[in-house]
Amino acid sequence: MAHGVVPESAARAARQGMGPLARALRAAGISANAITAVGVVLTVAGAALVALEMPLAGLVALIVGSLADTLDGLVARASGGGTKAGAFLDSTADRIADAALFAAAAWLGATHTDALLFWAALVALSGSSLVSYVRAKAESLGVRATVGPAPREARLAILLLGLAAWALFALGAAFTYAVLVVAILASITALQRIAVVVRALGRT
């Protein structure tokens, strides 16, 4: 799986580090779908806390929600492989989580008359949705479209870094710039994937 600006070694190390926990959850009878549900609830709650200008609480909720998003796949594999229903629920949960987080950023921009944050959040939401849609549509047509610097893992990592700077060092502007970076990289990724798919389909 492509991780964009997030090094593959870091992503692999994170998955390996969470492996024992995933196996323990599986042994306890906790399903991947249950973990997906917990993850999306925590992420939406974290986004709400961000909108309420509680960055530290929001950061904690979002980090735990993000870990749950990784754990559900590991638990599914520990169970012998995921199901189509599980894959659908996981993808849908990701879209809900993305929308909640960017909506929170847009809300902050609107309430603080911060045009940069507001429009960056809208562009980031549109770009992120397009990145996911292009990949899904391409795969339905038999084309692989995973190129680009900002798959979901990378977008989330950038946002969490910006939020951490706000929460820990009172650098609110860091969150704004993180959203802006995501908006730019997501747009680039969407355009790259569109180009790859068009070229591939043009040869069929």
N, C-alpha and C. Protein backbone atom coordinates (compact mmCIF):
# COMPACT_ATOMS: atom_id res chain seq x y z
N MET A 1 0.85 -1.20 0.00
CA MET A 1 0.00 0.00 0.00
C MET A 1 0.88 1.24 0.00
N ALA A 2 0.54 2.24 -0.82
CA ALA A 2 1.29 3.48 -0.87
C ALA A 2 0.92 4.35 0.33
N HIS A 3 1.93 5.02 0.92
CA HIS A 3 1.68 5.88 2.07
C HIS A 3 2.09 7.31 1.81
N GLY A 4 2.44 7.63 0.56
CA GLY A 4 2.75 9.00 0.22
C GLY A 4 3.95 9.53 0.98
N VAL A 5 3.77 10.68 1.64
CA VAL A 5 4.88 11.31 2.34
C VAL A 5 5.24 10.58 3.64
N VAL A 6 4.41 9.64 4.07
CA VAL A 6 4.74 8.82 5.24
C VAL A 6 5.64 7.67 4.78
N PRO A 7 6.85 7.53 5.34
CA PRO A 7 7.76 6.45 4.90
C PRO A 7 7.12 5.08 5.10
N GLU A 8 7.32 4.21 4.12
CA GLU A 8 6.78 2.85 4.22
C GLU A 8 7.33 2.13 5.44
N SER A 9 8.59 2.40 5.78
CA SER A 9 9.19 1.74 6.94
C SER A 9 8.47 2.12 8.23
N ALA A 10 8.06 3.40 8.33
CA ALA A 10 7.35 3.85 9.52
C ALA A 10 5.98 3.19 9.61
N ALA A 11 5.29 3.12 8.47
CA ALA A 11 3.97 2.50 8.46
C ALA A 11 4.06 1.02 8.80
N ARG A 12 5.08 0.35 8.26
CA ARG A 12 5.25 -1.08 8.53
C ARG A 12 5.59 -1.31 10.00
N ALA A 13 6.44 -0.45 10.57
CA ALA A 13 6.80 -0.60 11.98
C ALA A 13 5.59 -0.40 12.88
N ALA A 14 4.73 0.55 12.52
CA ALA A 14 3.53 0.79 13.32
C ALA A 14 2.61 -0.43 13.30
N ARG A 15 2.44 -1.02 12.10
CA ARG A 15 1.59 -2.21 12.00
C ARG A 15 2.17 -3.37 12.79
N GLN A 16 3.48 -3.55 12.71
CA GLN A 16 4.11 -4.64 13.44
C GLN A 16 4.00 -4.44 14.95
N GLY A 17 4.15 -3.19 15.38
CA GLY A 17 4.06 -2.90 16.80
C GLY A 17 2.67 -3.14 17.37
N MET A 18 1.65 -2.98 16.52
CA MET A 18 0.27 -3.18 16.97
C MET A 18 -0.21 -4.60 16.76
N GLY A 19 0.63 -5.44 16.16
CA GLY A 19 0.24 -6.82 15.89
C GLY A 19 -0.19 -7.59 17.13
N PRO A 20 0.62 -7.57 18.23
CA PRO A 20 0.22 -8.31 19.42
C PRO A 20 -1.13 -7.85 19.99
N LEU A 21 -1.38 -6.54 19.96
CA LEU A 21 -2.66 -6.03 20.45
C LEU A 21 -3.81 -6.53 19.59
N ALA A 22 -3.59 -6.55 18.28
CA ALA A 22 -4.63 -7.03 17.37
C ALA A 22 -4.95 -8.49 17.64
N ARG A 23 -3.92 -9.29 17.86
CA ARG A 23 -4.14 -10.71 18.14
C ARG A 23 -4.85 -10.91 19.48
N ALA A 24 -4.53 -10.05 20.46
CA ALA A 24 -5.18 -10.14 21.76
C ALA A 24 -6.66 -9.77 21.65
N LEU A 25 -6.96 -8.75 20.87
CA LEU A 25 -8.36 -8.36 20.68
C LEU A 25 -9.13 -9.45 19.96
N ARG A 26 -8.49 -10.06 18.98
CA ARG A 26 -9.14 -11.16 18.26
C ARG A 26 -9.41 -12.32 19.22
N ALA A 27 -8.44 -12.64 20.07
CA ALA A 27 -8.61 -13.73 21.03
C ALA A 27 -9.72 -13.43 22.04
N ALA A 28 -9.93 -12.13 22.30
CA ALA A 28 -10.99 -11.73 23.24
C ALA A 28 -12.37 -11.71 22.58
N GLY A 29 -12.41 -12.00 21.29
CA GLY A 29 -13.68 -12.05 20.59
C GLY A 29 -14.18 -10.72 20.07
N ILE A 30 -13.29 -9.73 20.03
CA ILE A 30 -13.68 -8.40 19.53
C ILE A 30 -13.49 -8.37 18.02
N SER A 31 -14.53 -8.03 17.30
CA SER A 31 -14.49 -8.09 15.84
C SER A 31 -13.87 -6.83 15.24
N ALA A 32 -13.41 -6.97 14.00
CA ALA A 32 -12.86 -5.82 13.28
C ALA A 32 -13.92 -4.75 13.08
N ASN A 33 -15.16 -5.15 12.83
CA ASN A 33 -16.24 -4.18 12.62
C ASN A 33 -16.51 -3.37 13.87
N ALA A 34 -16.41 -4.01 15.03
CA ALA A 34 -16.61 -3.30 16.29
C ALA A 34 -15.53 -2.24 16.48
N ILE A 35 -14.30 -2.60 16.13
CA ILE A 35 -13.18 -1.65 16.25
C ILE A 35 -13.37 -0.50 15.26
N THR A 36 -13.85 -0.81 14.06
CA THR A 36 -14.14 0.25 13.08
C THR A 36 -15.15 1.23 13.64
N ALA A 37 -16.20 0.72 14.27
CA ALA A 37 -17.25 1.58 14.84
C ALA A 37 -16.68 2.47 15.94
N VAL A 38 -15.87 1.88 16.81
CA VAL A 38 -15.25 2.67 17.89
C VAL A 38 -14.35 3.75 17.30
N GLY A 39 -13.59 3.38 16.28
CA GLY A 39 -12.68 4.34 15.66
C GLY A 39 -13.40 5.53 15.06
N VAL A 40 -14.49 5.29 14.35
CA VAL A 40 -15.18 6.42 13.72
C VAL A 40 -15.87 7.29 14.76
N VAL A 41 -16.39 6.68 15.82
CA VAL A 41 -17.01 7.47 16.89
C VAL A 41 -15.97 8.36 17.56
N LEU A 42 -14.80 7.80 17.85
CA LEU A 42 -13.74 8.59 18.48
C LEU A 42 -13.25 9.71 17.57
N THR A 43 -13.14 9.41 16.27
CA THR A 43 -12.65 10.43 15.34
C THR A 43 -13.65 11.57 15.19
N VAL A 44 -14.93 11.23 15.10
CA VAL A 44 -15.96 12.27 15.01
C VAL A 44 -15.99 13.08 16.31
N ALA A 45 -15.85 12.40 17.45
CA ALA A 45 -15.80 13.12 18.73
C ALA A 45 -14.58 14.04 18.78
N GLY A 46 -13.45 13.54 18.29
CA GLY A 46 -12.24 14.37 18.26
C GLY A 46 -12.42 15.59 17.38
N ALA A 47 -13.08 15.41 16.24
CA ALA A 47 -13.33 16.54 15.35
C ALA A 47 -14.23 17.57 16.04
N ALA A 48 -15.23 17.08 16.78
CA ALA A 48 -16.12 17.99 17.51
C ALA A 48 -15.34 18.78 18.56
N LEU A 49 -14.42 18.12 19.23
CA LEU A 49 -13.59 18.80 20.23
C LEU A 49 -12.70 19.86 19.58
N VAL A 50 -12.19 19.55 18.40
CA VAL A 50 -11.40 20.55 17.66
C VAL A 50 -12.27 21.75 17.32
N ALA A 51 -13.49 21.50 16.87
CA ALA A 51 -14.41 22.60 16.54
C ALA A 51 -14.73 23.45 17.76
N LEU A 52 -14.72 22.82 18.93
CA LEU A 52 -14.99 23.54 20.18
C LEU A 52 -13.74 24.17 20.77
N GLU A 53 -12.66 24.13 20.00
CA GLU A 53 -11.37 24.73 20.39
C GLU A 53 -10.79 24.06 21.64
N MET A 54 -10.87 22.74 21.64
CA MET A 54 -10.25 21.93 22.70
C MET A 54 -9.24 21.02 22.02
N PRO A 55 -8.12 21.59 21.55
CA PRO A 55 -7.20 20.83 20.69
C PRO A 55 -6.54 19.63 21.36
N LEU A 56 -6.22 19.73 22.65
CA LEU A 56 -5.54 18.61 23.30
C LEU A 56 -6.47 17.41 23.43
N ALA A 57 -7.69 17.64 23.89
CA ALA A 57 -8.66 16.55 23.99
C ALA A 57 -8.96 15.99 22.61
N GLY A 58 -9.08 16.89 21.63
CA GLY A 58 -9.33 16.44 20.26
C GLY A 58 -8.19 15.61 19.72
N LEU A 59 -6.95 16.03 20.03
CA LEU A 59 -5.77 15.29 19.56
C LEU A 59 -5.76 13.88 20.13
N VAL A 60 -6.04 13.74 21.42
CA VAL A 60 -6.05 12.42 22.05
C VAL A 60 -7.10 11.52 21.40
N ALA A 61 -8.31 12.07 21.23
CA ALA A 61 -9.39 11.28 20.63
C ALA A 61 -9.04 10.88 19.20
N LEU A 62 -8.45 11.79 18.45
CA LEU A 62 -8.12 11.50 17.06
C LEU A 62 -6.99 10.48 16.95
N ILE A 63 -6.02 10.55 17.85
CA ILE A 63 -4.93 9.57 17.81
C ILE A 63 -5.47 8.18 18.12
N VAL A 64 -6.31 8.06 19.15
CA VAL A 64 -6.87 6.76 19.49
C VAL A 64 -7.77 6.26 18.37
N GLY A 65 -8.55 7.18 17.79
CA GLY A 65 -9.41 6.79 16.67
C GLY A 65 -8.60 6.32 15.48
N SER A 66 -7.46 6.97 15.23
CA SER A 66 -6.59 6.57 14.12
C SER A 66 -5.96 5.21 14.38
N LEU A 67 -5.58 4.95 15.62
CA LEU A 67 -5.03 3.64 15.96
C LEU A 67 -6.08 2.55 15.75
N ALA A 68 -7.32 2.86 16.10
CA ALA A 68 -8.41 1.90 15.87
C ALA A 68 -8.59 1.62 14.38
N ASP A 69 -8.37 2.66 13.57
CA ASP A 69 -8.52 2.49 12.12
C ASP A 69 -7.46 1.54 11.57
N THR A 70 -6.29 1.52 12.19
CA THR A 70 -5.25 0.56 11.80
C THR A 70 -5.53 -0.82 12.38
N LEU A 71 -5.99 -0.83 13.61
CA LEU A 71 -6.23 -2.09 14.30
C LEU A 71 -7.31 -2.94 13.63
N ASP A 72 -8.34 -2.29 13.09
CA ASP A 72 -9.44 -3.09 12.52
C ASP A 72 -8.95 -3.98 11.38
N GLY A 73 -8.05 -3.44 10.56
CA GLY A 73 -7.50 -4.25 9.47
C GLY A 73 -6.62 -5.38 9.98
N LEU A 74 -5.84 -5.09 11.03
CA LEU A 74 -4.98 -6.12 11.61
C LEU A 74 -5.80 -7.23 12.25
N VAL A 75 -6.88 -6.86 12.93
CA VAL A 75 -7.76 -7.85 13.54
C VAL A 75 -8.44 -8.70 12.47
N ALA A 76 -8.83 -8.04 11.37
CA ALA A 76 -9.46 -8.78 10.27
C ALA A 76 -8.50 -9.82 9.71
N ARG A 77 -7.24 -9.42 9.52
CA ARG A 77 -6.26 -10.37 9.00
C ARG A 77 -5.97 -11.48 10.00
N ALA A 78 -5.96 -11.14 11.30
CA ALA A 78 -5.74 -12.15 12.33
C ALA A 78 -6.90 -13.15 12.37
N SER A 79 -8.05 -12.72 11.85
CA SER A 79 -9.22 -13.59 11.82
C SER A 79 -9.29 -14.42 10.55
N GLY A 80 -8.25 -14.33 9.73
CA GLY A 80 -8.23 -15.12 8.50
C GLY A 80 -8.55 -14.34 7.26
N GLY A 81 -8.60 -13.02 7.38
CA GLY A 81 -8.92 -12.19 6.21
C GLY A 81 -10.22 -11.46 6.41
N GLY A 82 -10.28 -10.22 5.92
CA GLY A 82 -11.50 -9.43 6.09
C GLY A 82 -12.60 -9.85 5.14
N THR A 83 -13.80 -9.35 5.43
CA THR A 83 -14.95 -9.62 4.58
C THR A 83 -15.24 -8.41 3.70
N LYS A 84 -16.04 -8.61 2.67
CA LYS A 84 -16.43 -7.49 1.81
C LYS A 84 -17.24 -6.46 2.59
N ALA A 85 -18.09 -6.94 3.49
CA ALA A 85 -18.88 -6.02 4.31
C ALA A 85 -17.96 -5.20 5.21
N GLY A 86 -16.94 -5.86 5.78
CA GLY A 86 -16.00 -5.15 6.62
C GLY A 86 -15.22 -4.10 5.86
N ALA A 87 -14.80 -4.44 4.64
CA ALA A 87 -14.07 -3.48 3.81
C ALA A 87 -14.94 -2.28 3.47
N PHE A 88 -16.21 -2.55 3.19
CA PHE A 88 -17.15 -1.46 2.88
C PHE A 88 -17.34 -0.56 4.08
N LEU A 89 -17.55 -1.15 5.26
CA LEU A 89 -17.75 -0.37 6.47
C LEU A 89 -16.50 0.45 6.81
N ASP A 90 -15.33 -0.14 6.62
CA ASP A 90 -14.09 0.57 6.92
C ASP A 90 -13.91 1.77 6.01
N SER A 91 -14.17 1.58 4.71
CA SER A 91 -14.04 2.68 3.77
C SER A 91 -15.05 3.79 4.06
N THR A 92 -16.28 3.40 4.38
CA THR A 92 -17.31 4.38 4.70
C THR A 92 -16.96 5.14 5.96
N ALA A 93 -16.44 4.42 6.96
CA ALA A 93 -16.03 5.08 8.21
C ALA A 93 -14.93 6.10 7.96
N ASP A 94 -14.01 5.77 7.06
CA ASP A 94 -12.93 6.71 6.72
C ASP A 94 -13.48 7.99 6.12
N ARG A 95 -14.48 7.85 5.23
CA ARG A 95 -15.06 9.03 4.61
C ARG A 95 -15.79 9.90 5.63
N ILE A 96 -16.49 9.25 6.57
CA ILE A 96 -17.18 10.00 7.62
C ILE A 96 -16.17 10.74 8.49
N ALA A 97 -15.11 10.06 8.86
CA ALA A 97 -14.08 10.66 9.70
C ALA A 97 -13.42 11.86 9.01
N ASP A 98 -13.10 11.70 7.74
CA ASP A 98 -12.49 12.80 6.98
C ASP A 98 -13.42 14.00 6.93
N ALA A 99 -14.68 13.74 6.62
CA ALA A 99 -15.66 14.84 6.51
C ALA A 99 -15.79 15.57 7.84
N ALA A 100 -15.83 14.82 8.95
CA ALA A 100 -15.98 15.44 10.26
C ALA A 100 -14.79 16.33 10.58
N LEU A 101 -13.59 15.86 10.30
CA LEU A 101 -12.39 16.63 10.64
C LEU A 101 -12.29 17.91 9.80
N PHE A 102 -12.55 17.80 8.52
CA PHE A 102 -12.46 19.00 7.68
C PHE A 102 -13.62 19.95 7.94
N ALA A 103 -14.78 19.41 8.33
CA ALA A 103 -15.90 20.26 8.71
C ALA A 103 -15.55 21.05 9.96
N ALA A 104 -14.85 20.39 10.90
CA ALA A 104 -14.42 21.09 12.11
C ALA A 104 -13.46 22.23 11.77
N ALA A 105 -12.53 21.95 10.85
CA ALA A 105 -11.58 22.99 10.44
C ALA A 105 -12.30 24.15 9.75
N ALA A 106 -13.27 23.82 8.89
CA ALA A 106 -14.03 24.87 8.21
C ALA A 106 -14.84 25.69 9.21
N TRP A 107 -15.40 25.02 10.21
CA TRP A 107 -16.15 25.73 11.25
C TRP A 107 -15.25 26.72 11.99
N LEU A 108 -14.04 26.28 12.34
CA LEU A 108 -13.10 27.18 13.00
C LEU A 108 -12.78 28.38 12.11
N GLY A 109 -12.57 28.10 10.83
CA GLY A 109 -12.28 29.19 9.92
C GLY A 109 -13.42 30.18 9.81
N ALA A 110 -14.65 29.66 9.79
CA ALA A 110 -15.82 30.53 9.67
C ALA A 110 -16.03 31.35 10.93
N THR A 111 -15.91 30.71 12.09
CA THR A 111 -16.19 31.41 13.35
C THR A 111 -15.11 32.41 13.72
N HIS A 112 -13.89 32.22 13.21
CA HIS A 112 -12.79 33.13 13.51
C HIS A 112 -12.48 34.05 12.33
N THR A 113 -13.36 34.03 11.33
CA THR A 113 -13.16 34.83 10.12
C THR A 113 -11.77 34.61 9.54
N ASP A 114 -11.39 33.35 9.52
CA ASP A 114 -10.09 32.96 8.97
C ASP A 114 -10.34 32.35 7.59
N ALA A 115 -10.26 33.19 6.58
CA ALA A 115 -10.59 32.75 5.22
C ALA A 115 -9.64 31.65 4.75
N LEU A 116 -8.37 31.74 5.13
CA LEU A 116 -7.40 30.73 4.69
C LEU A 116 -7.79 29.35 5.22
N LEU A 117 -8.08 29.26 6.51
CA LEU A 117 -8.46 27.98 7.10
C LEU A 117 -9.77 27.47 6.52
N PHE A 118 -10.73 28.37 6.36
CA PHE A 118 -12.04 27.96 5.83
C PHE A 118 -11.92 27.36 4.44
N TRP A 119 -11.27 28.09 3.53
CA TRP A 119 -11.18 27.60 2.15
C TRP A 119 -10.23 26.43 2.02
N ALA A 120 -9.17 26.43 2.81
CA ALA A 120 -8.25 25.28 2.79
C ALA A 120 -8.98 24.01 3.23
N ALA A 121 -9.84 24.14 4.24
CA ALA A 121 -10.60 22.98 4.71
C ALA A 121 -11.54 22.47 3.63
N LEU A 122 -12.20 23.38 2.92
CA LEU A 122 -13.12 22.95 1.86
C LEU A 122 -12.37 22.28 0.71
N VAL A 123 -11.24 22.85 0.33
CA VAL A 123 -10.43 22.25 -0.74
C VAL A 123 -9.89 20.90 -0.29
N ALA A 124 -9.44 20.82 0.97
CA ALA A 124 -8.92 19.56 1.50
C ALA A 124 -10.00 18.48 1.51
N LEU A 125 -11.20 18.86 1.90
CA LEU A 125 -12.31 17.90 1.90
C LEU A 125 -12.62 17.43 0.49
N SER A 126 -12.72 18.36 -0.44
CA SER A 126 -13.01 18.00 -1.83
C SER A 126 -11.89 17.15 -2.42
N GLY A 127 -10.65 17.58 -2.21
CA GLY A 127 -9.51 16.83 -2.75
C GLY A 127 -9.40 15.44 -2.17
N SER A 128 -9.59 15.33 -0.85
CA SER A 128 -9.50 14.03 -0.19
C SER A 128 -10.59 13.08 -0.68
N SER A 129 -11.79 13.61 -0.84
CA SER A 129 -12.89 12.79 -1.35
C SER A 129 -12.59 12.32 -2.77
N LEU A 130 -12.02 13.21 -3.58
CA LEU A 130 -11.72 12.87 -4.96
C LEU A 130 -10.61 11.82 -5.03
N VAL A 131 -9.62 11.93 -4.15
CA VAL A 131 -8.54 10.93 -4.12
C VAL A 131 -9.12 9.54 -3.90
N SER A 132 -9.99 9.43 -2.92
CA SER A 132 -10.59 8.13 -2.60
C SER A 132 -11.52 7.65 -3.71
N TYR A 133 -12.30 8.58 -4.27
CA TYR A 133 -13.23 8.19 -5.33
C TYR A 133 -12.50 7.70 -6.57
N VAL A 134 -11.47 8.42 -6.96
CA VAL A 134 -10.73 8.03 -8.18
C VAL A 134 -10.13 6.64 -8.01
N ARG A 135 -9.57 6.37 -6.84
CA ARG A 135 -8.99 5.05 -6.62
C ARG A 135 -10.06 3.95 -6.70
N ALA A 136 -11.19 4.19 -6.02
CA ALA A 136 -12.25 3.18 -6.01
C ALA A 136 -12.82 2.96 -7.41
N LYS A 137 -13.05 4.04 -8.14
CA LYS A 137 -13.60 3.92 -9.49
C LYS A 137 -12.60 3.24 -10.41
N ALA A 138 -11.33 3.60 -10.27
CA ALA A 138 -10.30 2.99 -11.11
C ALA A 138 -10.23 1.48 -10.87
N GLU A 139 -10.28 1.09 -9.61
CA GLU A 139 -10.21 -0.34 -9.30
C GLU A 139 -11.42 -1.08 -9.85
N SER A 140 -12.58 -0.43 -9.87
CA SER A 140 -13.76 -1.08 -10.45
C SER A 140 -13.61 -1.28 -11.95
N LEU A 141 -12.71 -0.50 -12.57
CA LEU A 141 -12.44 -0.61 -14.01
C LEU A 141 -11.18 -1.42 -14.29
N GLY A 142 -10.60 -1.98 -13.24
CA GLY A 142 -9.42 -2.81 -13.40
C GLY A 142 -8.12 -2.06 -13.49
N VAL A 143 -8.09 -0.82 -12.99
CA VAL A 143 -6.88 0.00 -13.05
C VAL A 143 -6.41 0.31 -11.63
N ARG A 144 -5.13 0.22 -11.39
CA ARG A 144 -4.56 0.54 -10.07
C ARG A 144 -4.20 2.02 -10.04
N ALA A 145 -4.70 2.73 -9.02
CA ALA A 145 -4.43 4.17 -8.91
C ALA A 145 -4.09 4.51 -7.47
N THR A 146 -2.84 4.27 -7.10
CA THR A 146 -2.40 4.54 -5.73
C THR A 146 -1.26 5.54 -5.67
N VAL A 147 -0.99 6.22 -6.79
CA VAL A 147 0.11 7.18 -6.82
C VAL A 147 -0.26 8.44 -6.03
N GLY A 148 0.74 9.26 -5.81
CA GLY A 148 0.49 10.56 -5.19
C GLY A 148 1.05 10.68 -3.79
N PRO A 149 1.34 11.92 -3.37
CA PRO A 149 1.97 12.15 -2.07
C PRO A 149 1.02 12.12 -0.88
N ALA A 150 -0.28 12.07 -1.13
CA ALA A 150 -1.20 12.23 0.00
C ALA A 150 -2.34 11.22 0.02
N PRO A 151 -2.03 9.92 0.20
CA PRO A 151 -3.10 8.99 0.53
C PRO A 151 -3.61 9.32 1.93
N ARG A 152 -4.61 8.61 2.40
CA ARG A 152 -5.24 8.99 3.67
C ARG A 152 -4.26 8.98 4.84
N GLU A 153 -3.37 8.01 4.90
CA GLU A 153 -2.44 7.94 6.02
C GLU A 153 -1.59 9.20 6.10
N ALA A 154 -1.13 9.68 4.96
CA ALA A 154 -0.30 10.88 4.94
C ALA A 154 -1.10 12.11 5.33
N ARG A 155 -2.32 12.23 4.81
CA ARG A 155 -3.15 13.39 5.15
C ARG A 155 -3.41 13.44 6.65
N LEU A 156 -3.72 12.29 7.23
CA LEU A 156 -4.01 12.26 8.66
C LEU A 156 -2.78 12.59 9.49
N ALA A 157 -1.63 12.08 9.08
CA ALA A 157 -0.39 12.36 9.81
C ALA A 157 -0.09 13.85 9.82
N ILE A 158 -0.26 14.51 8.68
CA ILE A 158 0.00 15.95 8.59
C ILE A 158 -0.96 16.72 9.49
N LEU A 159 -2.23 16.36 9.46
CA LEU A 159 -3.23 17.05 10.28
C LEU A 159 -2.94 16.86 11.77
N LEU A 160 -2.55 15.65 12.16
CA LEU A 160 -2.26 15.40 13.57
C LEU A 160 -1.02 16.17 14.03
N LEU A 161 -0.04 16.31 13.16
CA LEU A 161 1.14 17.11 13.52
C LEU A 161 0.77 18.57 13.74
N GLY A 162 -0.06 19.10 12.84
CA GLY A 162 -0.50 20.48 12.99
C GLY A 162 -1.34 20.67 14.25
N LEU A 163 -2.21 19.71 14.51
CA LEU A 163 -3.06 19.78 15.71
C LEU A 163 -2.20 19.67 16.97
N ALA A 164 -1.19 18.81 16.94
CA ALA A 164 -0.30 18.67 18.09
C ALA A 164 0.43 19.98 18.39
N ALA A 165 0.86 20.68 17.35
CA ALA A 165 1.54 21.97 17.55
C ALA A 165 0.60 22.97 18.20
N TRP A 166 -0.67 22.93 17.79
CA TRP A 166 -1.67 23.81 18.39
C TRP A 166 -1.92 23.42 19.85
N ALA A 167 -2.11 22.13 20.09
CA ALA A 167 -2.46 21.65 21.43
C ALA A 167 -1.32 21.82 22.43
N LEU A 168 -0.09 21.54 22.01
CA LEU A 168 1.03 21.50 22.94
C LEU A 168 1.79 22.82 23.04
N PHE A 169 1.77 23.62 21.96
CA PHE A 169 2.57 24.84 21.95
C PHE A 169 1.75 26.10 21.64
N ALA A 170 0.43 25.95 21.63
CA ALA A 170 -0.48 27.07 21.36
C ALA A 170 -0.21 27.72 20.01
N LEU A 171 0.22 26.89 19.04
CA LEU A 171 0.49 27.40 17.69
C LEU A 171 -0.71 27.10 16.80
N GLY A 172 -1.74 27.92 16.96
CA GLY A 172 -2.95 27.70 16.17
C GLY A 172 -2.71 27.78 14.67
N ALA A 173 -1.75 28.63 14.29
CA ALA A 173 -1.46 28.78 12.86
C ALA A 173 -0.91 27.49 12.27
N ALA A 174 -0.26 26.67 13.10
CA ALA A 174 0.29 25.41 12.60
C ALA A 174 -0.82 24.49 12.09
N PHE A 175 -1.96 24.50 12.76
CA PHE A 175 -3.09 23.68 12.32
C PHE A 175 -3.62 24.21 10.99
N THR A 176 -3.71 25.53 10.88
CA THR A 176 -4.16 26.13 9.62
C THR A 176 -3.25 25.72 8.46
N TYR A 177 -1.94 25.81 8.69
CA TYR A 177 -1.01 25.46 7.62
C TYR A 177 -1.02 23.97 7.33
N ALA A 178 -1.28 23.16 8.34
CA ALA A 178 -1.40 21.71 8.10
C ALA A 178 -2.58 21.42 7.19
N VAL A 179 -3.70 22.09 7.44
CA VAL A 179 -4.88 21.91 6.58
C VAL A 179 -4.57 22.39 5.16
N LEU A 180 -3.85 23.50 5.07
CA LEU A 180 -3.48 24.03 3.75
C LEU A 180 -2.58 23.05 3.00
N VAL A 181 -1.59 22.48 3.70
CA VAL A 181 -0.70 21.50 3.06
C VAL A 181 -1.50 20.30 2.57
N VAL A 182 -2.44 19.84 3.39
CA VAL A 182 -3.28 18.71 2.99
C VAL A 182 -4.10 19.07 1.76
N ALA A 183 -4.64 20.28 1.73
CA ALA A 183 -5.44 20.71 0.58
C ALA A 183 -4.60 20.66 -0.70
N ILE A 184 -3.38 21.16 -0.62
CA ILE A 184 -2.51 21.18 -1.80
C ILE A 184 -2.11 19.77 -2.22
N LEU A 185 -1.66 18.97 -1.26
CA LEU A 185 -1.19 17.62 -1.58
C LEU A 185 -2.33 16.71 -2.04
N ALA A 186 -3.50 16.87 -1.44
CA ALA A 186 -4.65 16.06 -1.86
C ALA A 186 -5.05 16.40 -3.28
N SER A 187 -5.00 17.68 -3.62
CA SER A 187 -5.34 18.09 -4.99
C SER A 187 -4.33 17.53 -5.98
N ILE A 188 -3.05 17.59 -5.63
CA ILE A 188 -2.01 17.04 -6.50
C ILE A 188 -2.22 15.53 -6.67
N THR A 189 -2.50 14.85 -5.57
CA THR A 189 -2.70 13.40 -5.63
C THR A 189 -3.89 13.05 -6.50
N ALA A 190 -4.98 13.79 -6.35
CA ALA A 190 -6.17 13.53 -7.17
C ALA A 190 -5.86 13.70 -8.65
N LEU A 191 -5.16 14.77 -9.00
CA LEU A 191 -4.82 15.01 -10.40
C LEU A 191 -3.89 13.93 -10.94
N GLN A 192 -2.92 13.50 -10.13
CA GLN A 192 -2.01 12.43 -10.56
C GLN A 192 -2.78 11.14 -10.82
N ARG A 193 -3.69 10.81 -9.94
CA ARG A 193 -4.45 9.57 -10.10
C ARG A 193 -5.38 9.64 -11.31
N ILE A 194 -5.98 10.79 -11.53
CA ILE A 194 -6.82 10.96 -12.71
C ILE A 194 -6.00 10.73 -13.98
N ALA A 195 -4.80 11.33 -14.01
CA ALA A 195 -3.93 11.19 -15.18
C ALA A 195 -3.54 9.75 -15.41
N VAL A 196 -3.21 9.02 -14.33
CA VAL A 196 -2.83 7.61 -14.45
C VAL A 196 -3.99 6.78 -15.00
N VAL A 197 -5.18 7.03 -14.50
CA VAL A 197 -6.34 6.25 -14.94
C VAL A 197 -6.68 6.55 -16.40
N VAL A 198 -6.65 7.84 -16.76
CA VAL A 198 -6.95 8.21 -18.15
C VAL A 198 -5.96 7.58 -19.11
N ARG A 199 -4.68 7.60 -18.75
CA ARG A 199 -3.67 6.97 -19.61
C ARG A 199 -3.91 5.47 -19.73
N ALA A 200 -4.19 4.83 -18.60
CA ALA A 200 -4.40 3.39 -18.62
C ALA A 200 -5.64 3.01 -19.43
N LEU A 201 -6.71 3.75 -19.26
CA LEU A 201 -7.94 3.44 -20.00
C LEU A 201 -7.83 3.80 -21.47
N GLY A 202 -6.94 4.76 -21.77
CA GLY A 202 -6.76 5.14 -23.16
C GLY A 202 -6.09 4.06 -23.98
N ARG A 203 -5.46 3.10 -23.30
CA ARG A 203 -4.81 2.00 -24.00
C ARG A 203 -5.72 0.79 -24.16
N THR A 204 -6.95 0.91 -23.62
CA THR A 204 -7.86 -0.25 -23.70
C THR A 204 -8.88 -0.05 -24.82
